[in-house]
Amino acid sequence: MLRDTLLIVIYAAIGAAAAGLLGMGVLRLLRNRSVTLSLAVVAAVTVAAMLAGTMLVAWAMLLSDHDLWVVTMVCSIAAVVSLCVALALGRGVVRGSRALTEATRALGDDGSFTPPATAPTAELAELGRELAATSAKLAASREREKALEDSRRELVAWISHDLRTPLAGLQAMTEALEDGMVDDPSVYHARIRAEVARMTGMVGDLFELSRIQAGVLALNTTRMSVYDLVDDALTGADALAREHGVRIIGERVEPVPIEVDGREMSRVLANLLTNAIHRTPTDGTVAVTAHREENSVVVSVTDGCGGISPEDLPRVFDTGWRGTDARTPPAGAGLGLAIVRGIVEAHQGRAAVCNVPGGCRFEVRLPAAV
């Protein structure tokens, strides 16, 4: 009995292995063909393996012709049914694959992707979801790229305007000095010096911004008190504030320790204070506060500009943004706040702005020193 069972197993294994090897060869030859054909081959190999094993066992058992014919018919009918089912399933998979291909082609043409309503397999459904997520990421990336390109175009236009105007004035003044048509040359000398200083500052801002955007801004951090940092910034902005008739005050400035690059953070506060002073009307007030919130140090500068329109708030720190009413100096080239954000983010911090009654508040949040 054991010997007969062993022979049955051996014959069945030989027949199934032969059919399986043959099927693997056929599948290798058809690896670039349709899914329907591949599924049909898989079904045919499965049935053929069963049929080969059954026929070898039947031959080894020396069945009668009638019994052998019955076994053959049963296996043949099973093979036909299996092939038909495989072809039907394969056609459904192919239709789903073609629908997904058409949707993917639209992703390459216009950037939009709408996955098919139904997918014949879980794998195709997952692929459709992944492509939809990728399409959304690409759309967001295109929006950011478009916003950046628009910002760059505006910056180039404003820089060109801001450079062309003083250069034309410098040319006119130098020609007047050369022709001896000026009664008091010292007046023109002072104007020329002021314009050169303003353009030098603009070029310096461009250089600083290029370093920030290139990721090569080297920080030399030291431990210092935010109280001293704010005090130095207020002292430096005092002359400009008096010139514009604006009061600057330090409110609730706590002596919290921070680890920052003093030179770069002084530039951040100077840019914020300069922006606030220019935007605040005469007899207005610019207030500076600094305090600790959990693991952060928050430095805020509040001005009396009257507020920023809600649609412009997200663009305040963009390169070249100067607001709808800022098209000529002293508004500058719209680089100061972009530099602020770049330096703060280089310190692993965050810069934000919000409207408050009568003006707006710029906040710089930095990690507190341990």
Protein backbone atom coordinates (compact mmCIF):
# COMPACT_ATOMS: atom_id res chain seq x y z
CA MET A 1 0.00 0.00 0.00
CA LEU A 2 2.80 2.41 0.90
CA ARG A 3 4.58 1.54 -2.31
CA ASP A 4 1.48 2.30 -4.40
CA THR A 5 0.99 5.62 -2.65
CA LEU A 6 4.65 6.55 -3.25
CA LEU A 7 4.32 5.70 -6.94
CA ILE A 8 1.18 7.83 -7.24
CA VAL A 9 2.95 10.78 -5.64
CA ILE A 10 5.99 10.37 -7.91
CA TYR A 11 3.96 10.13 -11.12
CA ALA A 12 1.75 13.08 -10.14
CA ALA A 13 4.80 15.18 -9.27
CA ILE A 14 6.53 14.32 -12.55
CA GLY A 15 3.51 15.27 -14.62
CA ALA A 16 2.86 18.50 -12.72
CA ALA A 17 6.54 19.51 -12.80
CA ALA A 18 6.75 18.92 -16.55
CA ALA A 19 3.65 21.07 -17.15
CA GLY A 20 4.93 23.75 -14.77
CA LEU A 21 8.32 23.98 -16.46
CA LEU A 22 6.68 24.20 -19.85
CA GLY A 23 4.36 26.93 -18.57
CA MET A 24 7.27 28.93 -17.13
CA GLY A 25 8.96 28.85 -20.50
CA VAL A 26 5.82 30.05 -22.26
CA LEU A 27 5.31 32.85 -19.72
CA ARG A 28 8.90 33.97 -20.23
CA LEU A 29 8.31 34.18 -23.97
CA LEU A 30 5.06 36.14 -23.39
CA ARG A 31 6.38 38.50 -20.66
CA ASN A 32 5.76 41.58 -22.85
CA ARG A 33 2.30 40.52 -23.97
CA SER A 34 -1.20 41.20 -22.64
CA VAL A 35 -2.30 40.40 -19.09
CA THR A 36 -5.21 38.43 -20.55
CA LEU A 37 -2.84 36.08 -22.36
CA SER A 38 -0.65 35.68 -19.28
CA LEU A 39 -3.66 34.79 -17.11
CA ALA A 40 -4.82 32.32 -19.74
CA VAL A 41 -1.39 30.67 -19.74
CA VAL A 42 -1.40 30.48 -15.93
CA ALA A 43 -4.83 28.84 -15.97
CA ALA A 44 -3.75 26.47 -18.74
CA VAL A 45 -0.59 25.52 -16.84
CA THR A 46 -2.60 24.83 -13.69
CA VAL A 47 -5.05 22.59 -15.53
CA ALA A 48 -2.29 20.96 -17.56
CA ALA A 49 -0.34 20.15 -14.40
CA MET A 50 -3.41 18.53 -12.90
CA LEU A 51 -4.21 16.72 -16.16
CA ALA A 52 -0.64 15.46 -16.66
CA GLY A 53 -0.41 14.19 -13.10
CA THR A 54 -3.83 12.55 -13.31
CA MET A 55 -3.12 10.90 -16.68
CA LEU A 56 0.23 9.51 -15.54
CA VAL A 57 -1.33 8.12 -12.38
CA ALA A 58 -4.21 6.66 -14.40
CA TRP A 59 -1.76 5.07 -16.86
CA ALA A 60 0.33 3.68 -14.03
CA MET A 61 -2.78 2.22 -12.38
CA LEU A 62 -3.75 0.54 -15.66
CA LEU A 63 -7.31 1.83 -15.67
CA SER A 64 -9.80 0.57 -18.24
CA ASP A 65 -10.35 2.50 -21.44
CA HIS A 66 -13.72 3.69 -20.20
CA ASP A 67 -12.40 4.96 -16.90
CA LEU A 68 -9.47 6.64 -18.65
CA TRP A 69 -11.86 8.32 -21.08
CA VAL A 70 -14.02 9.59 -18.17
CA VAL A 71 -10.99 11.05 -16.39
CA THR A 72 -9.82 12.69 -19.61
CA MET A 73 -13.22 14.25 -20.30
CA VAL A 74 -13.53 15.62 -16.76
CA CYS A 75 -10.09 17.19 -16.93
CA SER A 76 -10.71 18.60 -20.42
CA ILE A 77 -13.99 20.24 -19.39
CA ALA A 78 -12.28 21.69 -16.31
CA ALA A 79 -9.51 23.05 -18.57
CA VAL A 80 -11.99 24.74 -20.92
CA VAL A 81 -13.94 26.32 -18.07
CA SER A 82 -10.74 27.51 -16.38
CA LEU A 83 -9.49 29.10 -19.59
CA CYS A 84 -12.79 30.90 -20.16
CA VAL A 85 -12.79 32.26 -16.60
CA ALA A 86 -9.15 33.33 -16.92
CA LEU A 87 -9.87 35.13 -20.19
CA ALA A 88 -12.87 36.94 -18.66
CA LEU A 89 -10.87 38.01 -15.63
CA GLY A 90 -7.98 39.03 -17.84
CA ARG A 91 -10.18 41.25 -20.01
CA GLY A 92 -11.46 43.03 -16.89
CA VAL A 93 -7.93 43.63 -15.66
CA VAL A 94 -6.87 44.88 -19.09
CA ARG A 95 -9.81 47.32 -19.24
CA GLY A 96 -8.89 48.68 -15.81
CA SER A 97 -5.24 48.94 -16.81
CA ARG A 98 -6.11 50.81 -20.01
CA ALA A 99 -8.37 53.22 -18.11
CA LEU A 100 -5.54 53.89 -15.67
CA THR A 101 -3.15 54.39 -18.59
CA GLU A 102 -5.45 57.00 -20.15
CA ALA A 103 -5.75 58.83 -16.84
CA THR A 104 -1.96 58.76 -16.43
CA ARG A 105 -1.52 60.14 -19.95
CA ALA A 106 -3.62 63.13 -18.93
CA LEU A 107 -1.24 63.62 -15.99
CA GLY A 108 1.61 63.99 -18.45
CA ASP A 109 -0.36 66.28 -20.78
CA ASP A 110 -2.04 68.86 -18.55
CA GLY A 111 -0.90 67.83 -15.08
CA SER A 112 -4.35 66.65 -13.91
CA PHE A 113 -5.15 63.11 -12.85
CA THR A 114 -8.55 61.59 -12.17
CA PRO A 115 -8.38 57.92 -11.17
CA PRO A 116 -10.89 55.53 -12.78
CA ALA A 117 -14.15 55.12 -10.90
CA THR A 118 -13.58 51.38 -10.39
CA ALA A 119 -10.49 49.20 -10.46
CA PRO A 120 -10.57 45.44 -11.15
CA THR A 121 -7.79 44.66 -8.65
CA ALA A 122 -6.60 46.07 -5.33
CA GLU A 123 -3.16 46.70 -6.82
CA LEU A 124 -4.55 48.89 -9.62
CA ALA A 125 -6.74 50.74 -7.10
CA GLU A 126 -3.68 51.40 -4.90
CA LEU A 127 -1.70 52.55 -7.94
CA GLY A 128 -4.51 54.96 -8.84
CA ARG A 129 -4.51 56.42 -5.32
CA GLU A 130 -0.75 56.85 -5.39
CA LEU A 131 -0.93 58.59 -8.77
CA ALA A 132 -3.68 60.88 -7.47
CA ALA A 133 -1.54 61.79 -4.46
CA THR A 134 1.44 62.41 -6.75
CA SER A 135 -0.71 64.60 -8.98
CA ALA A 136 -1.74 66.69 -5.98
CA LYS A 137 1.89 67.09 -4.91
CA LEU A 138 2.90 68.11 -8.43
CA ALA A 139 0.07 70.66 -8.55
CA ALA A 140 1.20 72.16 -5.24
CA SER A 141 4.78 72.22 -6.49
CA ARG A 142 3.72 74.00 -9.68
CA GLU A 143 1.82 76.57 -7.64
CA ARG A 144 4.87 77.22 -5.47
CA GLU A 145 7.08 77.47 -8.55
CA LYS A 146 4.66 79.88 -10.21
CA ALA A 147 4.48 82.02 -7.06
CA LEU A 148 8.28 82.05 -6.83
CA GLU A 149 8.62 82.96 -10.50
CA ASP A 150 6.06 85.77 -10.14
CA SER A 151 7.94 87.01 -7.10
CA ARG A 152 11.22 86.99 -9.00
CA ARG A 153 9.71 88.87 -11.92
CA GLU A 154 8.31 91.50 -9.57
CA LEU A 155 11.66 91.74 -7.82
CA VAL A 156 13.52 92.27 -11.09
CA ALA A 157 11.01 94.92 -12.16
CA TRP A 158 11.19 96.78 -8.85
CA ILE A 159 14.98 96.53 -8.62
CA SER A 160 15.28 97.85 -12.17
CA HIS A 161 12.98 100.75 -11.30
CA ASP A 162 14.74 101.51 -8.02
CA LEU A 163 18.16 101.46 -9.69
CA ARG A 164 17.17 103.35 -12.83
CA THR A 165 15.68 106.29 -10.94
CA PRO A 166 18.72 107.11 -8.76
CA LEU A 167 21.12 106.40 -11.61
CA ALA A 168 19.29 108.92 -13.79
CA GLY A 169 19.48 111.43 -10.94
CA LEU A 170 23.18 110.74 -10.43
CA GLN A 171 23.85 111.23 -14.11
CA ALA A 172 21.97 114.54 -14.15
CA MET A 173 23.79 115.81 -11.06
CA THR A 174 27.23 114.82 -12.33
CA GLU A 175 26.54 116.51 -15.69
CA ALA A 176 25.41 119.65 -13.87
CA LEU A 177 28.59 119.60 -11.77
CA GLU A 178 30.75 119.10 -14.86
CA ASP A 179 29.08 122.01 -16.65
CA GLY A 180 29.52 124.28 -13.62
CA MET A 181 25.80 124.99 -13.40
CA VAL A 182 25.56 124.40 -9.64
CA ASP A 183 25.90 127.29 -7.21
CA ASP A 184 26.52 125.04 -4.19
CA PRO A 185 28.23 121.77 -5.23
CA SER A 186 28.13 120.47 -1.64
CA VAL A 187 24.37 120.01 -1.93
CA TYR A 188 24.78 117.75 -4.94
CA HIS A 189 27.66 115.94 -3.25
CA ALA A 190 25.43 115.11 -0.29
CA ARG A 191 22.66 113.88 -2.58
CA ILE A 192 25.08 111.76 -4.58
CA ARG A 193 26.47 110.27 -1.37
CA ALA A 194 22.96 109.46 -0.13
CA GLU A 195 21.94 107.78 -3.39
CA VAL A 196 25.16 105.77 -3.53
CA ALA A 197 24.62 104.66 0.08
CA ARG A 198 21.04 103.58 -0.72
CA MET A 199 22.12 101.58 -3.79
CA THR A 200 24.98 100.04 -1.81
CA GLY A 201 22.46 98.89 0.79
CA MET A 202 20.26 97.44 -1.93
CA VAL A 203 23.16 95.49 -3.43
CA GLY A 204 24.07 94.28 0.06
CA ASP A 205 20.52 93.04 0.59
CA LEU A 206 20.62 91.19 -2.72
CA PHE A 207 23.89 89.54 -1.76
CA GLU A 208 22.54 88.54 1.66
CA LEU A 209 19.36 87.12 0.15
CA SER A 210 21.34 85.15 -2.44
CA ARG A 211 23.41 83.57 0.35
CA ILE A 212 20.26 82.66 2.27
CA GLN A 213 18.51 81.13 -0.72
CA ALA A 214 21.66 79.22 -1.70
CA GLY A 215 21.87 77.76 1.80
CA VAL A 216 25.41 79.07 2.41
CA LEU A 217 24.59 81.46 5.25
CA ALA A 218 27.21 80.61 7.90
CA LEU A 219 26.03 81.24 11.47
CA ASN A 220 28.41 81.94 14.33
CA THR A 221 26.09 81.34 17.27
CA THR A 222 26.86 82.53 20.76
CA ARG A 223 24.87 82.59 23.98
CA MET A 224 23.42 86.03 24.72
CA SER A 225 20.47 87.72 26.37
CA VAL A 226 17.57 88.72 24.19
CA TYR A 227 17.31 91.84 26.36
CA ASP A 228 20.72 93.05 25.16
CA LEU A 229 19.86 92.18 21.55
CA VAL A 230 16.64 94.21 21.65
CA ASP A 231 18.30 97.10 23.49
CA ASP A 232 21.01 97.39 20.82
CA ALA A 233 18.36 97.29 18.05
CA LEU A 234 16.30 100.04 19.71
CA THR A 235 19.40 102.22 20.10
CA GLY A 236 20.32 101.73 16.45
CA ALA A 237 16.81 102.64 15.23
CA ASP A 238 16.37 105.67 17.50
CA ALA A 239 17.74 108.21 15.00
CA LEU A 240 15.49 106.97 12.19
CA ALA A 241 12.48 107.01 14.52
CA ARG A 242 13.15 110.63 15.54
CA GLU A 243 13.53 111.61 11.88
CA HIS A 244 10.06 110.22 11.13
CA GLY A 245 8.50 111.45 14.37
CA VAL A 246 7.80 107.92 15.59
CA ARG A 247 8.23 106.66 19.16
CA ILE A 248 9.87 103.28 19.70
CA ILE A 249 9.49 101.59 23.06
CA GLY A 250 10.50 98.30 24.59
CA GLU A 251 7.70 96.63 26.54
CA ARG A 252 8.10 93.53 28.67
CA VAL A 253 11.52 92.63 27.30
CA GLU A 254 12.64 89.70 29.43
CA PRO A 255 16.35 88.81 29.84
CA VAL A 256 15.89 85.35 28.31
CA PRO A 257 19.05 83.56 27.09
CA ILE A 258 19.24 82.50 23.44
CA GLU A 259 21.93 81.02 21.21
CA VAL A 260 22.01 82.98 17.94
CA ASP A 261 24.32 84.73 15.55
CA GLY A 262 24.28 88.22 17.07
CA ARG A 263 25.16 89.99 13.83
CA GLU A 264 22.45 88.26 11.79
CA MET A 265 19.77 88.61 14.45
CA SER A 266 20.64 92.29 14.83
CA ARG A 267 19.94 92.59 11.12
CA VAL A 268 16.59 90.85 11.62
CA LEU A 269 15.51 93.32 14.30
CA ALA A 270 16.89 96.27 12.35
CA ASN A 271 14.88 95.27 9.27
CA LEU A 272 11.71 94.81 11.32
CA LEU A 273 12.14 98.14 13.10
CA THR A 274 12.97 100.00 9.89
CA ASN A 275 9.92 98.53 8.19
CA ALA A 276 7.72 99.42 11.17
CA ILE A 277 9.02 102.99 11.39
CA HIS A 278 8.49 103.63 7.68
CA ARG A 279 4.92 102.28 7.86
CA THR A 280 3.90 104.05 11.05
CA PRO A 281 2.52 107.60 10.68
CA THR A 282 4.03 110.57 12.50
CA ASP A 283 3.35 110.58 16.25
CA GLY A 284 2.74 106.84 16.07
CA THR A 285 4.36 104.18 18.23
CA VAL A 286 6.41 101.10 17.48
CA ALA A 287 6.51 98.64 20.37
CA VAL A 288 8.98 95.77 20.85
CA THR A 289 8.42 92.88 23.26
CA ALA A 290 10.39 89.74 24.06
CA HIS A 291 9.33 86.90 26.31
CA ARG A 292 9.61 83.15 26.71
CA GLU A 293 6.87 80.69 25.74
CA GLU A 294 7.66 77.11 26.76
CA ASN A 295 10.78 76.19 24.74
CA SER A 296 10.74 79.28 22.51
CA VAL A 297 11.63 82.95 22.75
CA VAL A 298 9.17 85.25 20.99
CA VAL A 299 10.28 88.70 19.87
CA SER A 300 7.52 90.90 18.42
CA VAL A 301 7.49 94.30 16.71
CA THR A 302 4.10 96.05 16.59
CA ASP A 303 3.59 99.08 14.34
CA GLY A 304 0.78 101.51 13.55
CA CYS A 305 0.50 100.89 9.82
CA GLY A 306 -3.26 100.37 9.96
CA GLY A 307 -3.03 96.68 9.10
CA ILE A 308 -2.33 94.56 6.04
CA SER A 309 -5.06 93.28 3.77
CA PRO A 310 -5.89 89.62 4.45
CA GLU A 311 -5.03 88.56 0.90
CA ASP A 312 -1.55 90.08 1.26
CA LEU A 313 -0.71 88.54 4.66
CA PRO A 314 0.58 85.24 3.19
CA ARG A 315 2.92 87.17 0.86
CA VAL A 316 4.47 89.56 3.35
CA PHE A 317 7.72 87.57 3.64
CA ASP A 318 7.95 86.77 -0.10
CA THR A 319 10.92 88.09 -2.03
CA GLY A 320 10.06 91.40 -3.69
CA TRP A 321 6.77 91.99 -1.87
CA ARG A 322 6.24 95.62 -0.90
CA GLY A 323 2.48 95.98 -0.69
CA THR A 324 0.07 97.60 -3.12
CA ASP A 325 0.94 101.13 -2.03
CA ALA A 326 4.72 100.69 -2.08
CA ARG A 327 6.07 101.29 -5.55
CA THR A 328 8.74 103.91 -4.96
CA PRO A 329 11.44 104.55 -2.38
CA PRO A 330 11.71 104.61 0.59
CA ALA A 331 9.78 101.34 0.40
CA GLY A 332 12.95 99.62 -0.80
CA ALA A 333 13.24 96.59 -3.02
CA GLY A 334 11.07 94.33 -0.90
CA LEU A 335 14.03 92.30 0.38
CA GLY A 336 14.08 93.19 4.07
CA LEU A 337 11.30 90.86 5.25
CA ALA A 338 12.48 88.05 2.96
CA ILE A 339 15.89 88.36 4.61
CA VAL A 340 14.20 88.30 8.02
CA ARG A 341 12.45 85.02 7.26
CA GLY A 342 15.60 83.48 5.78
CA ILE A 343 17.79 84.33 8.78
CA VAL A 344 15.15 83.24 11.30
CA GLU A 345 14.60 79.91 9.54
CA ALA A 346 18.38 79.40 9.41
CA HIS A 347 18.22 79.60 13.22
CA GLN A 348 15.51 76.87 13.21
CA GLY A 349 12.93 79.53 14.04
CA ARG A 350 9.80 80.92 12.44
CA ALA A 351 8.68 84.39 11.38
CA ALA A 352 4.99 85.36 11.25
CA VAL A 353 2.77 88.42 10.93
CA CYS A 354 -0.77 89.18 12.03
CA ASN A 355 -3.05 92.19 12.16
CA VAL A 356 -3.77 93.93 15.47
CA PRO A 357 -5.94 96.95 16.21
CA GLY A 358 -4.37 99.93 14.45
CA GLY A 359 -1.50 98.04 12.82
CA CYS A 360 0.22 94.70 12.55
CA ARG A 361 2.57 92.60 14.65
CA PHE A 362 5.62 90.79 13.34
CA GLU A 363 6.72 87.87 15.50
CA VAL A 364 10.04 86.05 15.47
CA ARG A 365 10.01 82.74 17.34
CA LEU A 366 13.41 81.26 18.17
CA PRO A 367 14.46 78.17 20.15
CA ALA A 368 15.29 79.06 23.74
CA ALA A 369 18.76 78.28 25.05
CA VAL A 370 18.94 75.30 27.39
